[in-house]
N, C-alpha and C. Protein backbone atom coordinates (compact mmCIF):
# COMPACT_ATOMS: atom_id res chain seq x y z
N UNK A 1 32.89 -0.90 54.90
CA UNK A 1 32.91 -0.94 53.45
C UNK A 1 31.53 -0.55 52.93
N UNK A 2 31.52 0.29 51.95
CA UNK A 2 30.28 0.79 51.38
C UNK A 2 29.76 -0.17 50.32
N UNK A 3 28.43 -0.30 50.25
CA UNK A 3 27.84 -1.19 49.26
C UNK A 3 27.59 -0.49 47.92
N UNK A 4 27.90 0.78 47.86
CA UNK A 4 27.69 1.55 46.62
C UNK A 4 28.91 1.43 45.72
N UNK A 5 28.67 1.37 44.45
CA UNK A 5 29.74 1.32 43.47
C UNK A 5 30.09 2.74 43.06
N UNK A 6 31.37 3.03 43.04
CA UNK A 6 31.82 4.37 42.66
C UNK A 6 31.61 4.57 41.17
N UNK A 7 31.14 5.74 40.79
CA UNK A 7 30.92 6.05 39.38
C UNK A 7 32.20 6.58 38.77
N UNK A 8 32.56 6.01 37.66
CA UNK A 8 33.74 6.46 36.94
C UNK A 8 33.32 6.77 35.51
N UNK A 9 33.64 7.95 35.06
CA UNK A 9 33.35 8.36 33.69
C UNK A 9 31.88 8.14 33.32
N UNK A 10 31.00 8.71 34.07
CA UNK A 10 29.58 8.60 33.77
C UNK A 10 29.29 9.27 32.43
N UNK A 11 28.62 8.55 31.54
CA UNK A 11 28.30 9.03 30.21
C UNK A 11 26.84 8.75 29.92
N UNK A 12 26.22 9.58 29.08
CA UNK A 12 24.84 9.28 28.66
C UNK A 12 24.81 7.98 27.85
N UNK A 13 23.70 7.29 27.93
CA UNK A 13 23.56 6.01 27.24
C UNK A 13 23.75 6.14 25.73
N UNK A 14 23.29 7.24 25.16
CA UNK A 14 23.43 7.47 23.71
C UNK A 14 24.91 7.47 23.32
N UNK A 15 25.73 8.13 24.12
CA UNK A 15 27.17 8.18 23.84
C UNK A 15 27.81 6.80 23.95
N UNK A 16 27.40 6.03 24.93
CA UNK A 16 27.94 4.68 25.11
C UNK A 16 27.56 3.81 23.92
N UNK A 17 26.31 3.91 23.45
CA UNK A 17 25.88 3.12 22.29
C UNK A 17 26.66 3.50 21.04
N UNK A 18 26.85 4.80 20.82
CA UNK A 18 27.63 5.24 19.66
C UNK A 18 29.04 4.69 19.71
N UNK A 19 29.64 4.73 20.88
CA UNK A 19 31.00 4.23 21.05
C UNK A 19 31.07 2.73 20.77
N UNK A 20 30.07 1.98 21.25
CA UNK A 20 30.05 0.54 21.01
C UNK A 20 29.90 0.23 19.53
N UNK A 21 29.06 0.99 18.84
CA UNK A 21 28.84 0.76 17.41
C UNK A 21 30.11 1.06 16.63
N UNK A 22 30.79 2.15 16.97
CA UNK A 22 32.02 2.51 16.27
C UNK A 22 33.14 1.51 16.55
N UNK A 23 33.28 1.08 17.78
CA UNK A 23 34.31 0.11 18.11
C UNK A 23 34.06 -1.24 17.47
N UNK A 24 32.80 -1.60 17.31
CA UNK A 24 32.45 -2.88 16.69
C UNK A 24 32.46 -2.82 15.17
N UNK A 25 32.80 -1.67 14.62
CA UNK A 25 32.87 -1.46 13.17
C UNK A 25 31.54 -1.80 12.48
N UNK A 26 30.44 -1.47 13.14
CA UNK A 26 29.12 -1.74 12.59
C UNK A 26 28.40 -0.47 12.20
N UNK A 27 29.12 0.64 12.13
CA UNK A 27 28.46 1.92 11.89
C UNK A 27 27.82 1.99 10.51
N UNK A 28 28.42 1.38 9.49
CA UNK A 28 27.85 1.42 8.15
C UNK A 28 26.50 0.73 8.09
N UNK A 29 26.41 -0.45 8.64
CA UNK A 29 25.16 -1.19 8.66
C UNK A 29 24.14 -0.48 9.55
N UNK A 30 24.59 -0.02 10.68
CA UNK A 30 23.71 0.68 11.61
C UNK A 30 23.14 1.94 10.95
N UNK A 31 23.98 2.71 10.29
CA UNK A 31 23.52 3.93 9.62
C UNK A 31 22.51 3.62 8.53
N UNK A 32 22.75 2.55 7.78
CA UNK A 32 21.80 2.17 6.73
C UNK A 32 20.41 1.90 7.31
N UNK A 33 20.36 1.18 8.40
CA UNK A 33 19.06 0.90 9.03
C UNK A 33 18.40 2.18 9.53
N UNK A 34 19.18 3.11 10.05
CA UNK A 34 18.62 4.39 10.51
C UNK A 34 18.09 5.19 9.32
N UNK A 35 18.81 5.14 8.18
CA UNK A 35 18.37 5.85 6.97
C UNK A 35 17.08 5.23 6.44
N UNK A 36 17.00 3.91 6.42
CA UNK A 36 15.80 3.23 5.93
C UNK A 36 14.60 3.55 6.81
N UNK A 37 14.80 3.60 8.12
CA UNK A 37 13.70 3.94 9.03
C UNK A 37 13.26 5.39 8.80
N UNK A 38 14.22 6.27 8.56
CA UNK A 38 13.88 7.68 8.28
C UNK A 38 13.12 7.78 6.97
N UNK A 39 13.49 6.99 5.97
CA UNK A 39 12.77 6.99 4.69
C UNK A 39 11.31 6.60 4.90
N UNK A 40 11.08 5.54 5.66
CA UNK A 40 9.71 5.08 5.91
C UNK A 40 8.87 6.15 6.59
N UNK A 41 9.45 6.85 7.56
CA UNK A 41 8.67 7.85 8.28
C UNK A 41 8.48 9.14 7.49
N UNK A 42 9.49 9.56 6.73
CA UNK A 42 9.41 10.82 5.99
C UNK A 42 8.54 10.69 4.74
N UNK A 43 8.71 9.61 4.00
CA UNK A 43 8.01 9.47 2.72
C UNK A 43 6.59 8.97 2.89
N UNK A 44 6.35 8.16 3.90
CA UNK A 44 5.05 7.52 4.05
C UNK A 44 4.86 6.37 3.08
N UNK A 45 5.90 6.03 2.34
CA UNK A 45 5.82 4.97 1.33
C UNK A 45 6.45 3.67 1.81
N UNK A 46 6.59 3.51 3.11
CA UNK A 46 7.18 2.29 3.66
C UNK A 46 6.48 1.02 3.20
N UNK A 47 5.13 0.98 3.23
CA UNK A 47 4.45 -0.24 2.79
C UNK A 47 4.63 -0.55 1.30
N UNK A 48 4.96 0.45 0.51
CA UNK A 48 5.12 0.26 -0.94
C UNK A 48 6.58 0.10 -1.34
N UNK A 49 7.48 0.16 -0.39
CA UNK A 49 8.91 0.04 -0.68
C UNK A 49 9.30 -1.43 -0.69
N UNK A 50 9.82 -1.87 -1.84
CA UNK A 50 10.22 -3.27 -1.99
C UNK A 50 11.68 -3.46 -1.58
N UNK A 51 12.56 -2.61 -2.12
CA UNK A 51 13.99 -2.72 -1.84
C UNK A 51 14.54 -1.37 -1.42
N UNK A 52 15.53 -1.43 -0.55
CA UNK A 52 16.25 -0.24 -0.11
C UNK A 52 17.74 -0.56 -0.17
N UNK A 53 18.52 0.39 -0.65
CA UNK A 53 19.96 0.18 -0.73
C UNK A 53 20.64 1.53 -0.58
N UNK A 54 21.68 1.60 0.23
CA UNK A 54 22.40 2.85 0.45
C UNK A 54 23.90 2.62 0.27
N UNK A 55 24.50 3.44 -0.60
CA UNK A 55 25.95 3.37 -0.80
C UNK A 55 26.44 4.70 -1.34
N UNK A 56 27.56 5.15 -0.82
CA UNK A 56 28.25 6.37 -1.27
C UNK A 56 27.33 7.59 -1.31
N UNK A 57 26.48 7.72 -0.33
CA UNK A 57 25.61 8.89 -0.25
C UNK A 57 24.37 8.81 -1.13
N UNK A 58 24.18 7.69 -1.82
CA UNK A 58 23.01 7.53 -2.70
C UNK A 58 22.05 6.52 -2.08
N UNK A 59 20.79 6.91 -1.98
CA UNK A 59 19.75 6.03 -1.46
C UNK A 59 18.90 5.55 -2.63
N UNK A 60 18.96 4.25 -2.89
CA UNK A 60 18.20 3.63 -3.97
C UNK A 60 16.94 3.02 -3.37
N UNK A 61 15.79 3.40 -3.91
CA UNK A 61 14.51 2.91 -3.42
C UNK A 61 13.74 2.30 -4.58
N UNK A 62 13.28 1.06 -4.41
CA UNK A 62 12.43 0.42 -5.40
C UNK A 62 11.02 0.33 -4.82
N UNK A 63 10.06 0.87 -5.57
CA UNK A 63 8.68 0.91 -5.11
C UNK A 63 7.81 -0.06 -5.90
N UNK A 64 6.76 -0.55 -5.27
CA UNK A 64 5.87 -1.51 -5.93
C UNK A 64 4.82 -0.83 -6.80
N UNK A 65 4.63 0.47 -6.62
CA UNK A 65 3.60 1.19 -7.36
C UNK A 65 4.23 2.28 -8.23
N UNK A 66 3.96 2.23 -9.52
CA UNK A 66 4.49 3.24 -10.42
C UNK A 66 3.86 4.61 -10.18
N UNK A 67 2.64 4.63 -9.70
CA UNK A 67 1.95 5.88 -9.40
C UNK A 67 2.63 6.59 -8.23
N UNK A 68 2.93 5.83 -7.18
CA UNK A 68 3.60 6.41 -6.02
C UNK A 68 5.01 6.83 -6.38
N UNK A 69 5.68 6.05 -7.19
CA UNK A 69 7.03 6.40 -7.65
C UNK A 69 7.00 7.71 -8.41
N UNK A 70 6.02 7.88 -9.26
CA UNK A 70 5.87 9.12 -10.03
C UNK A 70 5.62 10.32 -9.12
N UNK A 71 4.74 10.14 -8.13
CA UNK A 71 4.43 11.23 -7.21
C UNK A 71 5.64 11.61 -6.36
N UNK A 72 6.36 10.61 -5.89
CA UNK A 72 7.54 10.88 -5.06
C UNK A 72 8.69 11.47 -5.88
N UNK A 73 8.76 11.11 -7.15
CA UNK A 73 9.82 11.65 -8.01
C UNK A 73 9.69 13.16 -8.17
N UNK A 74 8.47 13.65 -8.16
CA UNK A 74 8.26 15.09 -8.28
C UNK A 74 8.65 15.83 -7.00
N UNK A 75 8.78 15.10 -5.90
CA UNK A 75 9.09 15.70 -4.61
C UNK A 75 10.47 15.30 -4.09
N UNK A 76 11.37 14.90 -4.97
CA UNK A 76 12.68 14.40 -4.56
C UNK A 76 13.45 15.39 -3.68
N UNK A 77 13.49 16.65 -4.09
CA UNK A 77 14.26 17.65 -3.34
C UNK A 77 13.70 17.83 -1.93
N UNK A 78 12.39 17.90 -1.82
CA UNK A 78 11.75 18.08 -0.51
C UNK A 78 11.99 16.84 0.35
N UNK A 79 11.85 15.66 -0.24
CA UNK A 79 12.07 14.42 0.50
C UNK A 79 13.51 14.32 0.99
N UNK A 80 14.45 14.72 0.16
CA UNK A 80 15.86 14.67 0.52
C UNK A 80 16.15 15.59 1.71
N UNK A 81 15.58 16.78 1.68
CA UNK A 81 15.77 17.73 2.80
C UNK A 81 15.13 17.19 4.08
N UNK A 82 13.92 16.64 3.98
CA UNK A 82 13.25 16.09 5.15
C UNK A 82 13.99 14.88 5.70
N UNK A 83 14.50 14.06 4.81
CA UNK A 83 15.24 12.86 5.20
C UNK A 83 16.50 13.23 5.97
N UNK A 84 17.25 14.18 5.45
CA UNK A 84 18.47 14.62 6.13
C UNK A 84 18.16 15.33 7.44
N UNK A 85 17.06 16.08 7.49
CA UNK A 85 16.66 16.74 8.73
C UNK A 85 16.29 15.70 9.79
N UNK A 86 15.60 14.65 9.37
CA UNK A 86 15.22 13.58 10.31
C UNK A 86 16.47 12.87 10.84
N UNK A 87 17.46 12.67 9.98
CA UNK A 87 18.69 12.01 10.41
C UNK A 87 19.52 12.90 11.32
N UNK A 88 19.47 14.20 11.09
CA UNK A 88 20.17 15.14 11.97
C UNK A 88 19.60 15.08 13.38
N UNK A 89 18.29 14.92 13.47
CA UNK A 89 17.63 14.86 14.76
C UNK A 89 17.73 13.50 15.44
N UNK A 90 18.21 12.50 14.72
CA UNK A 90 18.34 11.15 15.26
C UNK A 90 19.63 11.04 16.07
N UNK A 91 19.50 10.84 17.37
CA UNK A 91 20.67 10.78 18.23
C UNK A 91 21.55 9.56 17.97
N UNK A 92 20.97 8.49 17.45
CA UNK A 92 21.74 7.27 17.23
C UNK A 92 22.38 7.19 15.84
N UNK A 93 22.10 8.18 15.00
CA UNK A 93 22.73 8.18 13.68
C UNK A 93 24.16 8.70 13.82
N UNK A 94 25.10 7.99 13.24
CA UNK A 94 26.51 8.36 13.34
C UNK A 94 26.93 8.87 11.96
N UNK A 95 26.92 10.17 11.79
CA UNK A 95 27.28 10.75 10.50
C UNK A 95 28.18 11.94 10.67
N UNK A 96 28.62 12.49 9.55
CA UNK A 96 29.46 13.67 9.62
C UNK A 96 28.61 14.90 9.85
N UNK A 97 29.15 15.86 10.57
CA UNK A 97 28.40 17.06 10.92
C UNK A 97 28.42 18.08 9.78
N UNK A 98 29.33 17.93 8.84
CA UNK A 98 29.49 18.93 7.79
C UNK A 98 28.54 18.73 6.63
N UNK A 99 28.14 17.52 6.38
CA UNK A 99 27.38 17.22 5.17
C UNK A 99 26.23 16.26 5.48
N UNK A 100 25.13 16.42 4.77
CA UNK A 100 24.01 15.51 4.95
C UNK A 100 24.39 14.12 4.52
N UNK A 101 23.90 13.11 5.20
CA UNK A 101 24.29 11.74 4.88
C UNK A 101 23.77 11.25 3.54
N UNK A 102 22.59 11.69 3.13
CA UNK A 102 22.03 11.26 1.85
C UNK A 102 22.19 12.40 0.85
N UNK A 103 22.99 12.16 -0.17
CA UNK A 103 23.27 13.20 -1.17
C UNK A 103 22.32 13.11 -2.36
N UNK A 104 21.89 11.88 -2.67
CA UNK A 104 21.05 11.69 -3.84
C UNK A 104 20.01 10.62 -3.56
N UNK A 105 18.82 10.83 -4.09
CA UNK A 105 17.72 9.89 -3.93
C UNK A 105 17.34 9.35 -5.31
N UNK A 106 17.41 8.04 -5.47
CA UNK A 106 17.11 7.41 -6.76
C UNK A 106 15.92 6.48 -6.56
N UNK A 107 14.83 6.80 -7.26
CA UNK A 107 13.59 6.04 -7.15
C UNK A 107 13.40 5.18 -8.39
N UNK A 108 12.99 3.94 -8.19
CA UNK A 108 12.73 3.02 -9.29
C UNK A 108 11.35 2.43 -9.15
């Protein structure tokens, strides 16, 4: 008898994690956390972000500084493109391939 375990349906770990998230019906919450992490890295305004909320393709961000809010408001289109590009490159983000996950960025 061999001490080795036979491999059945070997899959990459990323695929197994995605499957577990989808089966556990946690994809909405998981995606929100991935979007919030992408916002922090793309905008650089993570330390100034008070609240984050994502629903129906709209990302609502509340900032503690009106100056930073004003500066980021002028760059909404660029930030939106960078945010969606970052999420496309994220292997653990579970989104549709046809459309970017964040359709609108609302800064307060």
